[in-house]
Protein backbone atom coordinates (compact mmCIF):
# COMPACT_ATOMS: atom_id res chain seq x y z
CA UNK A 1 105.95 86.52 84.37
CA UNK A 2 108.21 84.17 86.34
CA UNK A 3 111.18 83.66 84.00
CA UNK A 4 114.41 85.66 84.03
CA UNK A 5 114.07 88.70 81.71
CA UNK A 6 116.50 87.63 78.98
CA UNK A 7 115.86 86.61 75.39
CA UNK A 8 117.04 83.04 76.00
CA UNK A 9 114.66 82.54 78.92
CA UNK A 10 111.77 84.13 77.04
CA UNK A 11 112.32 81.79 74.07
CA UNK A 12 112.65 78.80 76.41
CA UNK A 13 109.40 79.72 78.13
CA UNK A 14 107.62 80.05 74.78
CA UNK A 15 108.94 76.70 73.50
CA UNK A 16 108.68 74.62 76.66
CA UNK A 17 105.45 76.26 77.89
CA UNK A 18 106.03 75.44 81.56
CA UNK A 19 103.14 75.33 83.95
CA UNK A 20 102.33 78.82 85.14
CA UNK A 21 102.90 79.42 88.82
CA UNK A 22 102.13 82.36 91.05
CA UNK A 23 104.89 84.96 91.02
CA UNK A 24 106.30 86.08 94.35
CA UNK A 25 106.26 89.92 94.31
CA UNK A 26 109.23 90.11 96.68
CA UNK A 27 111.35 87.94 94.41
CA UNK A 28 110.26 89.96 91.38
CA UNK A 29 111.33 93.19 93.11
CA UNK A 30 114.78 91.69 93.78
CA UNK A 31 115.12 90.58 90.16
CA UNK A 32 114.02 93.94 88.76
CA UNK A 33 116.46 95.83 90.97
CA UNK A 34 119.27 93.45 90.02
CA UNK A 35 118.62 94.14 86.34
CA UNK A 36 118.38 97.85 87.13
CA UNK A 37 121.79 97.88 88.83
CA UNK A 38 123.32 96.08 85.85
CA UNK A 39 121.82 98.65 83.49
CA UNK A 40 123.15 101.52 85.61
CA UNK A 41 126.60 99.89 85.70
CA UNK A 42 126.53 99.71 81.90
CA UNK A 43 125.51 103.37 81.62
CA UNK A 44 128.28 104.41 84.01
CA UNK A 45 130.91 102.49 82.05
CA UNK A 46 129.73 103.90 78.72
CA UNK A 47 129.58 107.46 80.03
CA UNK A 48 133.02 107.27 81.66
CA UNK A 49 134.59 106.09 78.40
CA UNK A 50 132.58 108.29 76.04
CA UNK A 51 133.91 111.32 74.22
CA UNK A 52 130.85 113.54 73.92
CA UNK A 53 131.29 116.40 71.45
CA UNK A 54 129.56 119.60 72.47
CA UNK A 55 129.28 118.50 76.11
CA UNK A 56 131.50 120.28 78.60
CA UNK A 57 133.54 118.40 81.16
CA UNK A 58 131.40 119.94 83.90
CA UNK A 59 128.15 118.68 82.34
CA UNK A 60 129.62 115.23 81.83
CA UNK A 61 130.74 115.16 85.46
CA UNK A 62 127.26 116.21 86.62
CA UNK A 63 125.68 113.41 84.57
CA UNK A 64 128.22 110.90 85.84
CA UNK A 65 127.62 111.98 89.44
CA UNK A 66 123.85 111.73 88.96
CA UNK A 67 124.16 108.20 87.59
CA UNK A 68 126.53 107.21 90.38
CA UNK A 69 124.10 108.42 93.05
CA UNK A 70 121.26 106.52 91.36
CA UNK A 71 123.42 103.38 91.17
CA UNK A 72 124.33 103.62 94.86
CA UNK A 73 120.66 104.05 95.76
CA UNK A 74 119.75 101.01 93.66
CA UNK A 75 122.46 98.96 95.37
CA UNK A 76 121.22 99.98 98.81
CA UNK A 77 117.65 99.14 97.84
CA UNK A 78 118.73 95.74 96.53
CA UNK A 79 120.65 95.01 99.74
CA UNK A 80 117.59 95.91 101.79
CA UNK A 81 115.40 93.56 99.75
CA UNK A 82 117.91 90.73 99.99
CA UNK A 83 118.06 91.07 103.78
CA UNK A 84 114.29 91.20 104.22
CA UNK A 85 112.58 87.91 104.98
CA UNK A 86 109.50 86.95 103.04
CA UNK A 87 107.07 84.07 102.93
CA UNK A 88 106.94 81.57 100.12
CA UNK A 89 104.89 82.21 97.01
CA UNK A 90 102.03 80.21 98.43
CA UNK A 91 101.53 82.93 100.99
CA UNK A 92 100.28 85.17 98.21
CA UNK A 93 97.51 82.76 97.24
CA UNK A 94 94.35 83.02 99.31
CA UNK A 95 93.08 79.76 100.72
CA UNK A 96 89.79 78.54 99.30
CA UNK A 97 86.91 79.26 101.63
CA UNK A 98 85.83 76.32 103.72
CA UNK A 99 82.30 75.03 103.88
CA UNK A 100 80.27 74.98 107.06
CA UNK A 101 78.53 71.66 107.65
CA UNK A 102 76.40 71.82 110.78
CA UNK A 103 75.59 68.58 112.60
CA UNK A 104 72.35 66.99 111.53
CA UNK A 105 70.90 67.21 115.04
CA UNK A 106 71.78 70.90 115.44
CA UNK A 107 68.72 73.08 115.88
CA UNK A 108 68.36 76.82 115.26
CA UNK A 109 69.67 78.79 118.21
CA UNK A 110 66.93 81.41 118.41
CA UNK A 111 63.55 81.76 120.01
CA UNK A 112 60.68 81.18 117.53
CA UNK A 113 58.70 83.83 119.42
CA UNK A 114 61.44 86.45 118.92
CA UNK A 115 59.65 89.71 118.08
CA UNK A 116 62.47 92.25 117.81
CA UNK A 117 62.52 91.89 114.02
CA UNK A 118 59.56 94.26 114.06
CA UNK A 119 62.03 97.08 114.71
CA UNK A 120 63.34 96.76 111.15
CA UNK A 121 60.26 98.51 109.86
CA UNK A 122 61.69 101.71 111.34
CA UNK A 123 64.58 101.54 108.86
CA UNK A 124 62.29 102.48 106.01
CA UNK A 125 63.21 105.80 104.52
CA UNK A 126 66.91 105.47 105.35
CA UNK A 127 67.69 105.77 101.63
CA UNK A 128 66.25 109.26 101.56
CA UNK A 129 69.22 111.65 101.57
CA UNK A 130 67.20 114.83 101.11
CA UNK A 131 67.59 115.65 104.79
CA UNK A 132 71.41 115.45 104.71
CA UNK A 133 73.32 118.73 105.01
CA UNK A 134 74.43 120.08 101.64
CA UNK A 135 78.04 120.25 102.84
CA UNK A 136 78.05 116.53 103.63
CA UNK A 137 76.69 115.65 100.18
CA UNK A 138 79.28 117.81 98.43
CA UNK A 139 82.08 116.31 100.51
CA UNK A 140 80.97 112.79 99.59
CA UNK A 141 80.67 113.57 95.88
CA UNK A 142 84.05 115.28 95.76
CA UNK A 143 85.91 112.49 97.54
CA UNK A 144 88.90 111.66 95.30
CA UNK A 145 89.05 108.11 94.00
CA UNK A 146 92.21 106.08 93.81
CA UNK A 147 93.93 106.46 90.39
CA UNK A 148 93.66 103.48 88.07
CA UNK A 149 97.45 103.15 87.62
CA UNK A 150 100.55 105.01 88.68
CA UNK A 151 100.64 106.59 85.22
CA UNK A 152 97.19 108.06 85.85
CA UNK A 153 98.44 109.30 89.21
CA UNK A 154 101.46 110.99 87.62
CA UNK A 155 99.26 112.65 85.01
CA UNK A 156 97.06 113.97 87.81
CA UNK A 157 100.13 115.69 89.25
CA UNK A 158 100.89 117.19 85.84
CA UNK A 159 97.31 118.44 85.58
CA UNK A 160 97.60 120.04 89.01
CA UNK A 161 100.55 122.05 87.63
CA UNK A 162 98.67 123.03 84.43
CA UNK A 163 100.28 120.21 82.41
CA UNK A 164 103.89 121.43 81.99
CA UNK A 165 106.28 119.56 79.72
CA UNK A 166 108.26 118.20 82.68
CA UNK A 167 107.66 117.57 86.38
CA UNK A 168 110.60 116.64 88.59
CA UNK A 169 110.88 113.19 90.12
CA UNK A 170 111.05 114.79 93.56
CA UNK A 171 107.73 116.60 93.05
CA UNK A 172 106.04 113.48 91.69
CA UNK A 173 107.24 111.38 94.62
CA UNK A 174 106.10 113.98 97.13
CA UNK A 175 102.60 114.09 95.66
CA UNK A 176 102.26 110.35 95.01
CA UNK A 177 103.24 109.46 98.57
CA UNK A 178 100.01 111.12 99.73
CA UNK A 179 97.89 108.55 97.87
CA UNK A 180 96.39 105.44 99.48
CA UNK A 181 96.97 101.93 98.25
CA UNK A 182 99.74 100.38 96.16
CA UNK A 183 101.69 101.91 93.28
CA UNK A 184 102.27 98.38 91.94
CA UNK A 185 102.34 94.84 93.29
CA UNK A 186 105.41 95.56 95.42
CA UNK A 187 105.30 99.05 96.85
CA UNK A 188 102.66 101.27 98.36
CA UNK A 189 102.39 104.86 97.24
CA UNK A 190 103.46 105.91 100.73
CA UNK A 191 106.73 103.96 100.31
CA UNK A 192 107.74 105.47 96.97
CA UNK A 193 111.07 107.16 96.40
CA UNK A 194 112.73 108.49 93.25
CA UNK A 195 114.39 105.16 92.48
CA UNK A 196 111.23 103.10 92.95
CA UNK A 197 109.18 105.51 90.84
CA UNK A 198 111.75 105.34 88.05
CA UNK A 199 111.88 101.55 88.28
CA UNK A 200 108.10 101.11 88.11
CA UNK A 201 107.61 103.52 85.22
CA UNK A 202 110.53 102.14 83.22
CA UNK A 203 109.94 98.42 83.72
CA UNK A 204 106.15 98.37 83.67
CA UNK A 205 105.33 101.19 81.24
CA UNK A 206 108.51 101.92 79.27
CA UNK A 207 108.65 105.52 80.53
CA UNK A 208 112.19 106.87 80.83
CA UNK A 209 113.25 109.79 82.99
CA UNK A 210 114.94 112.87 81.52
CA UNK A 211 117.33 115.56 82.73
CA UNK A 212 116.00 118.89 81.45
CA UNK A 213 117.58 122.21 82.35
CA UNK A 214 116.16 124.37 85.11
CA UNK A 215 115.92 128.16 84.84
CA UNK A 216 119.37 128.53 86.43
CA UNK A 217 120.95 126.20 83.88
CA UNK A 218 121.29 123.20 86.18
CA UNK A 219 119.83 119.83 85.28
CA UNK A 220 117.32 117.83 87.29
CA UNK A 221 115.68 114.40 87.04
CA UNK A 222 112.16 114.61 85.65
CA UNK A 223 109.47 112.84 83.64
CA UNK A 224 107.88 114.17 80.47
CA UNK A 225 104.16 114.68 80.04
CA UNK A 226 104.15 113.32 76.47
CA UNK A 227 105.85 110.07 77.55
CA UNK A 228 103.21 109.39 80.20
CA UNK A 229 100.40 110.10 77.74
CA UNK A 230 101.99 107.70 75.25
CA UNK A 231 102.24 105.00 77.93
CA UNK A 232 98.59 105.50 78.75
CA UNK A 233 97.58 105.23 75.09
CA UNK A 234 99.75 102.18 74.51
């Protein structure tokens, strides 16, 4: 997707059917964070003006503070992206492989009487793993594979905690940062933070974070097991 994420631009893209071009992941990250900051600004304005029955002033202040911290983090992330140089979109397209055309008068550069190929007969039997130590075989078979998506990775964290209803964003980030590879087209797992995790899950999979109560009555940012399962099924 290369159009701005508004209804007008989506309709224009459907009607005009412009030629598809390769999306620049860096530009997409800037756009997503810009939309995210606008959404957080809207939530802050609505919460500041809202009269919430049944919600104490202390709870409303906690929620407002939480949103404000998230908004400040999003603004800092956006500033960092805007100040980071990046190549043009063409840099993300691999160049087609060239063809090797040797000169017509070029001759093979090896001795016809070369006999060292006979040594390859000693490689027979290399596919026989019966002689490998049992510990090495078990280690190879138990090697964890990279999760298919970040949703799968989050569900793995839930499973490691016996599938509770909620797992905090902080715990998810801590565990996901140990994974190799990329969480999406923009960020590696090792570069995740709470804001980036929330942004990826919300924009790409429609998974919203929640603020359940801890045992001491305080609230914390977390994701719900059922929401991740629904995103996986959808």
